[in-house]
Amino acid sequence: MPFLLRRVLFYLAAFLVAATINFFLPRLMPGDPVQLMFASAGNAMSPENLQALKLTFGFVDAPLWQQYLTYLQSIVTGDLGRSIKYFPLPVTELLGRAIVWTAALMGTATIVSFALGSLLGAIAAWRRGGLFDVTVSVGAIFATSVPAVVTSLVVLFVFGFTLGWFPSGYAAAPSLDPAFSAAYVGSVLYHAVLPMLTLCTVLTGGFVVTMRNNMINLLGEDYIVMAQAKGLSDRRVMLWYAARNALLPTVSSLAIALGMVLGGSLVTEVVFNYPGLGNVLYQAIIARDYPVIQGQLLIMTATMLVANFIVDVSYVLLDPRLKRA
């Protein structure tokens, strides 16, 4: 219990620091939404209308410390204000809609990448030095080295425009109304193929490299040699003796990757015009939509801290000696 209490207090302090940075970061950006609207109106807006517009969006001329206290109160109450770009839509409702798409896309891609990358990494380590190991290792390093925007554009150009096998954007066909029907669900799955392929290509390489390195370090252990000396099959030794023990560091990577799920994949969602959190954040940055930017960054911060807390607790459960670390 003292260990858990220390970790909880640590992560609460980390969240407060991140929330403070989240408050000041948008305000360090040049300009604000009201000034952008004033400029787009050709400076034809009267000072009275400009002041009324500021009051409508909540941009009051109050001291910075007072704005900060109001911001902290909004976090506690869960009232993040209203979006400026999509006014009068509340920020919580806007982000709530986008969370569903991002969680489904990024969550599925992360789990598939973890399973595929761990399996390929385990086989490559077991067959180290062979053709399979060289091919998988070089492919994994190449996949992790290429920027996500390049991978997204290549996938979009090849399968979306050149071959025309899959749609190039949106989460579903615009002609279909959202409903739990076979036509709409099929359209969602069909539109998710290219973003899913891109994310899996980007994420799988990291899991392959991590799993391969962890497993190679275990292949010389005594219990592996004993298992082979007992005459167990290579498949059983590889999966049940070596791979299971090599998964621990990889699982921590999975937890952190899942913590980043609600952050969305900004590049992929923007390239494929996918209505997730990453695309919402991009549109909010362009429009200087402070409430949406702050709400999205708070979600990313909270999920990352929760993921790290779960990793800390799971490590202690597996190795109690870490409580003294």
C-alpha atoms as a PDB file:
ATOM      1  CA  MET A   1       0.000   0.000   0.000  1.00  0.00           C
ATOM      2  CA  PRO A   2       2.779   2.587   0.732  1.00  0.00           C
ATOM      3  CA  PHE A   3       4.272   1.801  -2.691  1.00  0.00           C
ATOM      4  CA  LEU A   4       0.918   2.295  -4.433  1.00  0.00           C
ATOM      5  CA  LEU A   5       0.324   5.525  -2.511  1.00  0.00           C
ATOM      6  CA  ARG A   6       3.719   6.894  -3.552  1.00  0.00           C
ATOM      7  CA  ARG A   7       3.087   6.034  -7.193  1.00  0.00           C
ATOM      8  CA  VAL A   8      -0.405   7.556  -7.142  1.00  0.00           C
ATOM      9  CA  LEU A   9       0.913  10.799  -5.642  1.00  0.00           C
ATOM     10  CA  PHE A  10       3.738  10.852  -8.178  1.00  0.00           C
ATOM     11  CA  TYR A  11       1.380  10.466 -11.142  1.00  0.00           C
ATOM     12  CA  LEU A  12      -1.043  13.045  -9.753  1.00  0.00           C
ATOM     13  CA  ALA A  13       1.829  15.515  -9.527  1.00  0.00           C
ATOM     14  CA  ALA A  14       2.917  14.586 -13.057  1.00  0.00           C
ATOM     15  CA  PHE A  15      -0.640  15.159 -14.297  1.00  0.00           C
ATOM     16  CA  LEU A  16      -0.749  18.587 -12.629  1.00  0.00           C
ATOM     17  CA  VAL A  17       2.533  19.587 -14.272  1.00  0.00           C
ATOM     18  CA  ALA A  18       1.314  18.330 -17.665  1.00  0.00           C
ATOM     19  CA  ALA A  19      -2.005  20.151 -17.222  1.00  0.00           C
ATOM     20  CA  THR A  20      -0.137  23.369 -16.417  1.00  0.00           C
ATOM     21  CA  ILE A  21       1.986  23.046 -19.554  1.00  0.00           C
ATOM     22  CA  ASN A  22      -1.227  22.258 -21.443  1.00  0.00           C
ATOM     23  CA  PHE A  23      -2.691  25.559 -20.207  1.00  0.00           C
ATOM     24  CA  PHE A  24       0.237  27.755 -21.231  1.00  0.00           C
ATOM     25  CA  LEU A  25       1.194  26.000 -24.486  1.00  0.00           C
ATOM     26  CA  PRO A  26      -1.736  27.202 -26.668  1.00  0.00           C
ATOM     27  CA  ARG A  27      -1.406  30.702 -25.233  1.00  0.00           C
ATOM     28  CA  LEU A  28       2.198  30.894 -26.419  1.00  0.00           C
ATOM     29  CA  MET A  29       0.999  30.407 -30.005  1.00  0.00           C
ATOM     30  CA  PRO A  30       0.725  33.629 -32.027  1.00  0.00           C
ATOM     31  CA  GLY A  31      -2.813  34.913 -32.456  1.00  0.00           C
ATOM     32  CA  ASP A  32      -6.090  33.606 -31.114  1.00  0.00           C
ATOM     33  CA  PRO A  33      -9.393  32.451 -32.671  1.00  0.00           C
ATOM     34  CA  VAL A  34     -11.094  35.821 -32.245  1.00  0.00           C
ATOM     35  CA  GLN A  35      -8.250  37.654 -33.955  1.00  0.00           C
ATOM     36  CA  LEU A  36      -8.384  35.172 -36.835  1.00  0.00           C
ATOM     37  CA  MET A  37     -12.121  35.794 -37.230  1.00  0.00           C
ATOM     38  CA  PHE A  38     -11.538  39.536 -37.043  1.00  0.00           C
ATOM     39  CA  ALA A  39      -8.892  39.298 -39.762  1.00  0.00           C
ATOM     40  CA  SER A  40     -11.076  37.087 -41.983  1.00  0.00           C
ATOM     41  CA  ALA A  41     -13.866  39.673 -41.692  1.00  0.00           C
ATOM     42  CA  GLY A  42     -11.591  42.243 -43.296  1.00  0.00           C
ATOM     43  CA  ASN A  43     -11.393  44.313 -40.108  1.00  0.00           C
ATOM     44  CA  ALA A  44     -15.055  45.226 -40.671  1.00  0.00           C
ATOM     45  CA  MET A  45     -16.107  44.037 -37.221  1.00  0.00           C
ATOM     46  CA  SER A  46     -16.823  46.747 -34.679  1.00  0.00           C
ATOM     47  CA  PRO A  47     -15.081  46.734 -31.277  1.00  0.00           C
ATOM     48  CA  GLU A  48     -18.419  45.990 -29.607  1.00  0.00           C
ATOM     49  CA  ASN A  49     -18.996  42.934 -31.789  1.00  0.00           C
ATOM     50  CA  LEU A  50     -15.415  41.821 -31.196  1.00  0.00           C
ATOM     51  CA  GLN A  51     -15.889  42.045 -27.435  1.00  0.00           C
ATOM     52  CA  ALA A  52     -19.200  40.185 -27.661  1.00  0.00           C
ATOM     53  CA  LEU A  53     -17.485  37.463 -29.687  1.00  0.00           C
ATOM     54  CA  LYS A  54     -14.795  37.118 -27.014  1.00  0.00           C
ATOM     55  CA  LEU A  55     -17.406  36.790 -24.295  1.00  0.00           C
ATOM     56  CA  THR A  56     -19.277  34.167 -26.328  1.00  0.00           C
ATOM     57  CA  PHE A  57     -16.181  31.991 -26.627  1.00  0.00           C
ATOM     58  CA  GLY A  58     -15.080  32.599 -23.060  1.00  0.00           C
ATOM     59  CA  PHE A  59     -12.036  34.781 -23.845  1.00  0.00           C
ATOM     60  CA  VAL A  60     -12.383  37.165 -20.941  1.00  0.00           C
ATOM     61  CA  ASP A  61      -9.786  39.799 -20.132  1.00  0.00           C
ATOM     62  CA  ALA A  62      -8.900  38.319 -16.742  1.00  0.00           C
ATOM     63  CA  PRO A  63      -5.478  37.919 -15.125  1.00  0.00           C
ATOM     64  CA  LEU A  64      -3.601  34.829 -16.212  1.00  0.00           C
ATOM     65  CA  TRP A  65      -3.652  33.287 -12.724  1.00  0.00           C
ATOM     66  CA  GLN A  66      -7.434  33.635 -12.616  1.00  0.00           C
ATOM     67  CA  GLN A  67      -7.757  31.960 -16.006  1.00  0.00           C
ATOM     68  CA  TYR A  68      -5.497  29.172 -14.721  1.00  0.00           C
ATOM     69  CA  LEU A  69      -7.680  28.563 -11.664  1.00  0.00           C
ATOM     70  CA  THR A  70     -10.779  28.496 -13.865  1.00  0.00           C
ATOM     71  CA  TYR A  71      -9.021  26.005 -16.116  1.00  0.00           C
ATOM     72  CA  LEU A  72      -8.184  23.700 -13.182  1.00  0.00           C
ATOM     73  CA  GLN A  73     -11.790  23.915 -12.010  1.00  0.00           C
ATOM     74  CA  SER A  74     -12.996  22.894 -15.455  1.00  0.00           C
ATOM     75  CA  ILE A  75     -10.765  19.801 -15.312  1.00  0.00           C
ATOM     76  CA  VAL A  76     -12.211  18.751 -11.959  1.00  0.00           C
ATOM     77  CA  THR A  77     -15.808  19.306 -13.059  1.00  0.00           C
ATOM     78  CA  GLY A  78     -15.289  17.788 -16.519  1.00  0.00           C
ATOM     79  CA  ASP A  79     -16.628  20.917 -18.246  1.00  0.00           C
ATOM     80  CA  LEU A  80     -14.012  21.653 -20.909  1.00  0.00           C
ATOM     81  CA  GLY A  81     -16.043  24.388 -22.546  1.00  0.00           C
ATOM     82  CA  ARG A  82     -17.304  24.617 -26.113  1.00  0.00           C
ATOM     83  CA  SER A  83     -15.413  24.178 -29.323  1.00  0.00           C
ATOM     84  CA  ILE A  84     -14.628  27.340 -31.234  1.00  0.00           C
ATOM     85  CA  LYS A  85     -14.378  25.759 -34.661  1.00  0.00           C
ATOM     86  CA  TYR A  86     -17.545  23.692 -34.172  1.00  0.00           C
ATOM     87  CA  PHE A  87     -19.404  26.153 -31.919  1.00  0.00           C
ATOM     88  CA  PRO A  88     -21.674  25.572 -29.977  1.00  0.00           C
ATOM     89  CA  LEU A  89     -20.679  21.882 -29.753  1.00  0.00           C
ATOM     90  CA  PRO A  90     -19.231  21.018 -26.294  1.00  0.00           C
ATOM     91  CA  VAL A  91     -15.626  19.822 -26.292  1.00  0.00           C
ATOM     92  CA  THR A  92     -16.512  16.652 -24.377  1.00  0.00           C
ATOM     93  CA  GLU A  93     -19.114  15.704 -26.981  1.00  0.00           C
ATOM     94  CA  LEU A  94     -16.772  16.447 -29.888  1.00  0.00           C
ATOM     95  CA  LEU A  95     -13.935  14.417 -28.399  1.00  0.00           C
ATOM     96  CA  GLY A  96     -16.347  11.691 -27.301  1.00  0.00           C
ATOM     97  CA  ARG A  97     -17.382  11.129 -30.916  1.00  0.00           C
ATOM     98  CA  ALA A  98     -13.774  11.013 -32.109  1.00  0.00           C
ATOM     99  CA  ILE A  99     -12.644   8.678 -29.309  1.00  0.00           C
ATOM    100  CA  VAL A 100     -14.810   5.861 -30.667  1.00  0.00           C
ATOM    101  CA  TRP A 101     -13.141   5.960 -34.084  1.00  0.00           C
ATOM    102  CA  THR A 102      -9.607   6.334 -32.735  1.00  0.00           C
ATOM    103  CA  ALA A 103      -9.993   3.624 -30.078  1.00  0.00           C
ATOM    104  CA  ALA A 104     -11.340   1.159 -32.643  1.00  0.00           C
ATOM    105  CA  LEU A 105      -8.678   1.929 -35.265  1.00  0.00           C
ATOM    106  CA  MET A 106      -5.594   2.475 -33.091  1.00  0.00           C
ATOM    107  CA  GLY A 107      -6.551  -0.169 -30.512  1.00  0.00           C
ATOM    108  CA  THR A 108      -7.052  -2.872 -33.121  1.00  0.00           C
ATOM    109  CA  ALA A 109      -3.892  -1.888 -35.006  1.00  0.00           C
ATOM    110  CA  THR A 110      -1.820  -1.918 -31.797  1.00  0.00           C
ATOM    111  CA  ILE A 111      -3.030  -5.358 -30.699  1.00  0.00           C
ATOM    112  CA  VAL A 112      -2.588  -6.855 -34.179  1.00  0.00           C
ATOM    113  CA  SER A 113       0.888  -5.326 -34.463  1.00  0.00           C
ATOM    114  CA  PHE A 114       1.861  -6.643 -31.023  1.00  0.00           C
ATOM    115  CA  ALA A 115       0.734 -10.194 -31.817  1.00  0.00           C
ATOM    116  CA  LEU A 116       2.308 -10.234 -35.276  1.00  0.00           C
ATOM    117  CA  GLY A 117       5.510  -8.487 -34.213  1.00  0.00           C
ATOM    118  CA  SER A 118       6.037 -10.732 -31.171  1.00  0.00           C
ATOM    119  CA  LEU A 119       5.542 -13.883 -33.255  1.00  0.00           C
ATOM    120  CA  LEU A 120       7.862 -12.738 -36.043  1.00  0.00           C
ATOM    121  CA  GLY A 121      10.460 -11.546 -33.522  1.00  0.00           C
ATOM    122  CA  ALA A 122      10.385 -14.870 -31.666  1.00  0.00           C
ATOM    123  CA  ILE A 123      10.811 -16.896 -34.871  1.00  0.00           C
ATOM    124  CA  ALA A 124      13.584 -14.583 -36.095  1.00  0.00           C
ATOM    125  CA  ALA A 125      15.459 -14.957 -32.797  1.00  0.00           C
ATOM    126  CA  TRP A 126      15.074 -18.731 -32.846  1.00  0.00           C
ATOM    127  CA  ARG A 127      16.392 -18.836 -36.424  1.00  0.00           C
ATOM    128  CA  ARG A 128      18.981 -16.115 -35.852  1.00  0.00           C
ATOM    129  CA  GLY A 129      21.498 -15.721 -38.644  1.00  0.00           C
ATOM    130  CA  GLY A 130      19.243 -17.386 -41.218  1.00  0.00           C
ATOM    131  CA  LEU A 131      17.412 -15.965 -44.203  1.00  0.00           C
ATOM    132  CA  PHE A 132      14.164 -15.495 -42.256  1.00  0.00           C
ATOM    133  CA  ASP A 133      15.957 -13.591 -39.492  1.00  0.00           C
ATOM    134  CA  VAL A 134      17.772 -11.305 -41.915  1.00  0.00           C
ATOM    135  CA  THR A 135      14.627 -10.591 -43.942  1.00  0.00           C
ATOM    136  CA  VAL A 136      12.402  -9.884 -40.929  1.00  0.00           C
ATOM    137  CA  SER A 137      15.031  -7.837 -39.080  1.00  0.00           C
ATOM    138  CA  VAL A 138      15.883  -5.648 -42.066  1.00  0.00           C
ATOM    139  CA  GLY A 139      12.179  -5.197 -42.855  1.00  0.00           C
ATOM    140  CA  ALA A 140      11.398  -4.257 -39.243  1.00  0.00           C
ATOM    141  CA  ILE A 141      14.222  -1.714 -39.044  1.00  0.00           C
ATOM    142  CA  PHE A 142      13.183  -0.246 -42.387  1.00  0.00           C
ATOM    143  CA  ALA A 143       9.536   0.004 -41.294  1.00  0.00           C
ATOM    144  CA  THR A 144      10.436   1.804 -38.070  1.00  0.00           C
ATOM    145  CA  SER A 145      12.857   4.159 -39.847  1.00  0.00           C
ATOM    146  CA  VAL A 146      10.455   5.385 -42.524  1.00  0.00           C
ATOM    147  CA  PRO A 147       8.341   8.346 -41.307  1.00  0.00           C
ATOM    148  CA  ALA A 148       4.659   7.585 -40.828  1.00  0.00           C
ATOM    149  CA  VAL A 149       3.664  10.278 -43.303  1.00  0.00           C
ATOM    150  CA  VAL A 150       5.699   8.591 -46.044  1.00  0.00           C
ATOM    151  CA  THR A 151       4.161   5.193 -45.306  1.00  0.00           C
ATOM    152  CA  SER A 152       0.660   6.716 -45.298  1.00  0.00           C
ATOM    153  CA  LEU A 153       1.160   8.465 -48.623  1.00  0.00           C
ATOM    154  CA  VAL A 154       2.674   5.369 -50.275  1.00  0.00           C
ATOM    155  CA  VAL A 155      -0.179   3.144 -49.101  1.00  0.00           C
ATOM    156  CA  LEU A 156      -2.744   5.738 -50.193  1.00  0.00           C
ATOM    157  CA  PHE A 157      -1.143   6.194 -53.618  1.00  0.00           C
ATOM    158  CA  VAL A 158      -0.682   2.483 -54.367  1.00  0.00           C
ATOM    159  CA  PHE A 159      -3.899   0.952 -53.019  1.00  0.00           C
ATOM    160  CA  GLY A 160      -6.183   3.982 -53.088  1.00  0.00           C
ATOM    161  CA  PHE A 161      -5.366   5.809 -56.308  1.00  0.00           C
ATOM    162  CA  THR A 162      -3.275   3.532 -58.541  1.00  0.00           C
ATOM    163  CA  LEU A 163      -5.009   0.187 -57.941  1.00  0.00           C
ATOM    164  CA  GLY A 164      -8.270   1.644 -56.659  1.00  0.00           C
ATOM    165  CA  TRP A 165      -8.914  -1.325 -54.373  1.00  0.00           C
ATOM    166  CA  PHE A 166      -9.938   0.703 -51.331  1.00  0.00           C
ATOM    167  CA  PRO A 167     -11.427   4.156 -50.658  1.00  0.00           C
ATOM    168  CA  SER A 168      -8.952   6.954 -50.100  1.00  0.00           C
ATOM    169  CA  GLY A 169     -10.687   8.668 -47.188  1.00  0.00           C
ATOM    170  CA  TYR A 170     -13.483   8.919 -44.638  1.00  0.00           C
ATOM    171  CA  ALA A 171     -14.535   6.338 -42.061  1.00  0.00           C
ATOM    172  CA  ALA A 172     -17.576   5.169 -44.041  1.00  0.00           C
ATOM    173  CA  ALA A 173     -19.456   5.947 -47.217  1.00  0.00           C
ATOM    174  CA  PRO A 174     -20.975   9.464 -46.938  1.00  0.00           C
ATOM    175  CA  SER A 175     -24.199   8.227 -48.486  1.00  0.00           C
ATOM    176  CA  LEU A 176     -24.893   5.866 -45.553  1.00  0.00           C
ATOM    177  CA  ASP A 177     -26.483   6.986 -42.313  1.00  0.00           C
ATOM    178  CA  PRO A 178     -24.721   5.789 -39.138  1.00  0.00           C
ATOM    179  CA  ALA A 179     -26.543   2.684 -37.935  1.00  0.00           C
ATOM    180  CA  PHE A 180     -25.774  -0.755 -36.613  1.00  0.00           C
ATOM    181  CA  SER A 181     -26.493  -2.439 -39.929  1.00  0.00           C
ATOM    182  CA  ALA A 182     -24.594  -4.806 -42.175  1.00  0.00           C
ATOM    183  CA  ALA A 183     -24.178  -2.152 -44.880  1.00  0.00           C
ATOM    184  CA  TYR A 184     -22.784   0.512 -42.550  1.00  0.00           C
ATOM    185  CA  VAL A 185     -20.529  -1.848 -40.568  1.00  0.00           C
ATOM    186  CA  GLY A 186     -19.196  -3.307 -43.815  1.00  0.00           C
ATOM    187  CA  SER A 187     -18.487   0.181 -45.124  1.00  0.00           C
ATOM    188  CA  VAL A 188     -16.629   1.091 -41.900  1.00  0.00           C
ATOM    189  CA  LEU A 189     -14.464  -2.025 -42.138  1.00  0.00           C
ATOM    190  CA  TYR A 190     -13.813  -1.414 -45.833  1.00  0.00           C
ATOM    191  CA  HIS A 191     -12.725   2.194 -45.225  1.00  0.00           C
ATOM    192  CA  ALA A 192     -10.499   1.155 -42.299  1.00  0.00           C
ATOM    193  CA  VAL A 193      -8.304  -1.189 -44.359  1.00  0.00           C
ATOM    194  CA  LEU A 194      -5.774   1.389 -45.578  1.00  0.00           C
ATOM    195  CA  PRO A 195      -5.379   3.251 -42.245  1.00  0.00           C
ATOM    196  CA  MET A 196      -5.073  -0.118 -40.493  1.00  0.00           C
ATOM    197  CA  LEU A 197      -2.461  -1.321 -42.986  1.00  0.00           C
ATOM    198  CA  THR A 198      -0.466   1.872 -42.481  1.00  0.00           C
ATOM    199  CA  LEU A 199      -0.555   1.704 -38.686  1.00  0.00           C
ATOM    200  CA  CYS A 200       0.312  -2.000 -38.611  1.00  0.00           C
ATOM    201  CA  THR A 201       3.274  -1.379 -40.919  1.00  0.00           C
ATOM    202  CA  VAL A 202       4.554   1.410 -38.670  1.00  0.00           C
ATOM    203  CA  LEU A 203       3.947  -0.345 -35.322  1.00  0.00           C
ATOM    204  CA  THR A 204       4.905  -3.956 -36.074  1.00  0.00           C
ATOM    205  CA  GLY A 205       8.595  -3.225 -36.678  1.00  0.00           C
ATOM    206  CA  GLY A 206       9.161  -1.943 -33.145  1.00  0.00           C
ATOM    207  CA  PHE A 207       7.614  -5.033 -31.560  1.00  0.00           C
ATOM    208  CA  VAL A 208       9.686  -7.306 -33.834  1.00  0.00           C
ATOM    209  CA  VAL A 209      12.969  -5.662 -32.825  1.00  0.00           C
ATOM    210  CA  THR A 210      12.107  -5.644 -29.106  1.00  0.00           C
ATOM    211  CA  MET A 211      10.955  -9.267 -29.040  1.00  0.00           C
ATOM    212  CA  ARG A 212      13.931 -10.512 -31.058  1.00  0.00           C
ATOM    213  CA  ASN A 213      16.487  -8.788 -28.843  1.00  0.00           C
ATOM    214  CA  ASN A 214      14.813  -9.951 -25.626  1.00  0.00           C
ATOM    215  CA  MET A 215      14.555 -13.534 -26.774  1.00  0.00           C
ATOM    216  CA  ILE A 216      18.150 -13.761 -28.024  1.00  0.00           C
ATOM    217  CA  ASN A 217      19.320 -12.788 -24.547  1.00  0.00           C
ATOM    218  CA  LEU A 218      17.404 -15.762 -23.098  1.00  0.00           C
ATOM    219  CA  LEU A 219      18.375 -18.502 -25.532  1.00  0.00           C
ATOM    220  CA  GLY A 220      21.598 -19.237 -23.665  1.00  0.00           C
ATOM    221  CA  GLU A 221      19.914 -19.672 -20.263  1.00  0.00           C
ATOM    222  CA  ASP A 222      20.189 -23.010 -18.457  1.00  0.00           C
ATOM    223  CA  TYR A 223      16.466 -23.761 -18.527  1.00  0.00           C
ATOM    224  CA  ILE A 224      16.432 -23.433 -22.335  1.00  0.00           C
ATOM    225  CA  VAL A 225      19.373 -25.835 -22.630  1.00  0.00           C
ATOM    226  CA  MET A 226      17.673 -28.224 -20.193  1.00  0.00           C
ATOM    227  CA  ALA A 227      14.431 -28.150 -22.156  1.00  0.00           C
ATOM    228  CA  GLN A 228      16.268 -29.003 -25.354  1.00  0.00           C
ATOM    229  CA  ALA A 229      18.231 -31.748 -23.593  1.00  0.00           C
ATOM    230  CA  LYS A 230      14.968 -33.318 -22.418  1.00  0.00           C
ATOM    231  CA  GLY A 231      14.019 -33.791 -26.065  1.00  0.00           C
ATOM    232  CA  LEU A 232      11.180 -31.274 -26.235  1.00  0.00           C
ATOM    233  CA  SER A 233      10.220 -30.092 -29.695  1.00  0.00           C
ATOM    234  CA  ASP A 234      11.717 -26.856 -31.004  1.00  0.00           C
ATOM    235  CA  ARG A 235       8.252 -25.338 -31.259  1.00  0.00           C
ATOM    236  CA  ARG A 236       7.491 -26.040 -27.600  1.00  0.00           C
ATOM    237  CA  VAL A 237      10.848 -24.713 -26.389  1.00  0.00           C
ATOM    238  CA  MET A 238      10.563 -21.603 -28.552  1.00  0.00           C
ATOM    239  CA  LEU A 239       6.991 -20.675 -27.588  1.00  0.00           C
ATOM    240  CA  TRP A 240       6.568 -21.983 -24.031  1.00  0.00           C
ATOM    241  CA  TYR A 241      10.046 -21.552 -22.610  1.00  0.00           C
ATOM    242  CA  ALA A 242      11.812 -18.747 -24.469  1.00  0.00           C
ATOM    243  CA  ALA A 243       9.023 -16.564 -25.901  1.00  0.00           C
ATOM    244  CA  ARG A 244       6.920 -16.480 -22.720  1.00  0.00           C
ATOM    245  CA  ASN A 245       9.809 -15.146 -20.646  1.00  0.00           C
ATOM    246  CA  ALA A 246      10.885 -12.710 -23.354  1.00  0.00           C
ATOM    247  CA  LEU A 247       7.394 -11.182 -23.495  1.00  0.00           C
ATOM    248  CA  LEU A 248       7.679  -9.210 -20.241  1.00  0.00           C
ATOM    249  CA  PRO A 249       9.557  -6.157 -21.642  1.00  0.00           C
ATOM    250  CA  THR A 250       7.422  -6.379 -24.783  1.00  0.00           C
ATOM    251  CA  VAL A 251       4.231  -6.286 -22.717  1.00  0.00           C
ATOM    252  CA  SER A 252       5.419  -3.065 -21.098  1.00  0.00           C
ATOM    253  CA  SER A 253       5.884  -1.634 -24.599  1.00  0.00           C
ATOM    254  CA  LEU A 254       2.358  -2.789 -25.419  1.00  0.00           C
ATOM    255  CA  ALA A 255       0.957  -1.029 -22.343  1.00  0.00           C
ATOM    256  CA  ILE A 256       2.660   2.219 -23.309  1.00  0.00           C
ATOM    257  CA  ALA A 257       1.465   1.830 -26.909  1.00  0.00           C
ATOM    258  CA  LEU A 258      -2.098   1.284 -25.671  1.00  0.00           C
ATOM    259  CA  GLY A 259      -1.699   4.379 -23.540  1.00  0.00           C
ATOM    260  CA  MET A 260      -0.979   6.315 -26.718  1.00  0.00           C
ATOM    261  CA  VAL A 261      -4.082   4.943 -28.447  1.00  0.00           C
ATOM    262  CA  LEU A 262      -6.358   7.799 -27.370  1.00  0.00           C
ATOM    263  CA  GLY A 263      -3.762  10.245 -28.592  1.00  0.00           C
ATOM    264  CA  GLY A 264      -4.685   9.151 -32.062  1.00  0.00           C
ATOM    265  CA  SER A 265      -2.400   8.938 -35.053  1.00  0.00           C
ATOM    266  CA  LEU A 266      -2.405  12.502 -36.327  1.00  0.00           C
ATOM    267  CA  VAL A 267      -0.550  11.839 -39.578  1.00  0.00           C
ATOM    268  CA  THR A 268      -2.529   8.763 -40.587  1.00  0.00           C
ATOM    269  CA  GLU A 269      -5.901  10.247 -39.692  1.00  0.00           C
ATOM    270  CA  VAL A 270      -5.160  13.485 -41.543  1.00  0.00           C
ATOM    271  CA  VAL A 271      -3.896  11.697 -44.675  1.00  0.00           C
ATOM    272  CA  PHE A 272      -6.957   9.430 -44.813  1.00  0.00           C
ATOM    273  CA  ASN A 273      -9.348  12.103 -43.477  1.00  0.00           C
ATOM    274  CA  TYR A 274     -10.345   9.751 -40.664  1.00  0.00           C
ATOM    275  CA  PRO A 275     -12.619  11.367 -38.018  1.00  0.00           C
ATOM    276  CA  GLY A 276     -10.470  10.422 -35.025  1.00  0.00           C
ATOM    277  CA  LEU A 277      -8.777  12.370 -32.263  1.00  0.00           C
ATOM    278  CA  GLY A 278      -5.665  13.028 -34.323  1.00  0.00           C
ATOM    279  CA  ASN A 279      -7.639  14.691 -37.101  1.00  0.00           C
ATOM    280  CA  VAL A 280      -9.689  16.675 -34.584  1.00  0.00           C
ATOM    281  CA  LEU A 281      -6.485  17.906 -32.937  1.00  0.00           C
ATOM    282  CA  TYR A 282      -5.044  18.938 -36.302  1.00  0.00           C
ATOM    283  CA  GLN A 283      -8.156  20.928 -37.201  1.00  0.00           C
ATOM    284  CA  ALA A 284      -8.182  22.517 -33.742  1.00  0.00           C
ATOM    285  CA  ILE A 285      -4.544  23.622 -34.059  1.00  0.00           C
ATOM    286  CA  ILE A 286      -5.259  25.307 -37.393  1.00  0.00           C
ATOM    287  CA  ALA A 287      -8.307  27.114 -35.940  1.00  0.00           C
ATOM    288  CA  ARG A 288      -6.544  27.988 -32.633  1.00  0.00           C
ATOM    289  CA  ASP A 289      -9.363  26.119 -30.896  1.00  0.00           C
ATOM    290  CA  TYR A 290      -7.891  26.273 -27.380  1.00  0.00           C
ATOM    291  CA  PRO A 291     -10.599  24.256 -25.576  1.00  0.00           C
ATOM    292  CA  VAL A 292     -10.305  21.326 -28.019  1.00  0.00           C
ATOM    293  CA  ILE A 293      -6.489  21.418 -27.989  1.00  0.00           C
ATOM    294  CA  GLN A 294      -6.421  21.416 -24.200  1.00  0.00           C
ATOM    295  CA  GLY A 295      -9.048  18.674 -23.953  1.00  0.00           C
ATOM    296  CA  GLN A 296      -7.213  16.423 -26.399  1.00  0.00           C
ATOM    297  CA  LEU A 297      -3.841  16.935 -24.708  1.00  0.00           C
ATOM    298  CA  LEU A 298      -5.431  16.156 -21.341  1.00  0.00           C
ATOM    299  CA  ILE A 299      -6.762  12.869 -22.729  1.00  0.00           C
ATOM    300  CA  MET A 300      -3.332  11.963 -24.099  1.00  0.00           C
ATOM    301  CA  THR A 301      -1.652  12.844 -20.805  1.00  0.00           C
ATOM    302  CA  ALA A 302      -4.128  10.931 -18.662  1.00  0.00           C
ATOM    303  CA  THR A 303      -3.991   7.762 -20.761  1.00  0.00           C
ATOM    304  CA  MET A 304      -0.186   7.770 -20.862  1.00  0.00           C
ATOM    305  CA  LEU A 305       0.068   8.215 -17.084  1.00  0.00           C
ATOM    306  CA  VAL A 306      -2.496   5.469 -16.463  1.00  0.00           C
ATOM    307  CA  ALA A 307      -0.598   3.132 -18.807  1.00  0.00           C
ATOM    308  CA  ASN A 308       2.681   3.823 -17.016  1.00  0.00           C
ATOM    309  CA  PHE A 309       1.027   3.286 -13.647  1.00  0.00           C
ATOM    310  CA  ILE A 310      -0.300  -0.100 -14.812  1.00  0.00           C
ATOM    311  CA  VAL A 311       3.197  -1.052 -15.985  1.00  0.00           C
ATOM    312  CA  ASP A 312       4.683  -0.065 -12.613  1.00  0.00           C
ATOM    313  CA  VAL A 313       2.125  -2.101 -10.674  1.00  0.00           C
ATOM    314  CA  SER A 314       2.412  -5.134 -12.965  1.00  0.00           C
ATOM    315  CA  TYR A 315       6.202  -5.126 -12.639  1.00  0.00           C
ATOM    316  CA  VAL A 316       5.955  -5.077  -8.850  1.00  0.00           C
ATOM    317  CA  LEU A 317       3.458  -7.926  -8.877  1.00  0.00           C
ATOM    318  CA  LEU A 318       5.857  -9.958 -11.013  1.00  0.00           C
ATOM    319  CA  ASP A 319       8.992  -8.952  -9.054  1.00  0.00           C
ATOM    320  CA  PRO A 320       8.341  -7.654  -5.482  1.00  0.00           C
ATOM    321  CA  ARG A 321      11.976  -6.600  -5.146  1.00  0.00           C
ATOM    322  CA  LEU A 322      11.173  -3.549  -7.309  1.00  0.00           C
ATOM    323  CA  LYS A 323       9.173  -2.016  -4.435  1.00  0.00           C
ATOM    324  CA  ARG A 324      12.476  -0.921  -2.909  1.00  0.00           C
ATOM    325  CA  ALA A 325      13.672   0.674  -6.158  1.00  0.00           C
END
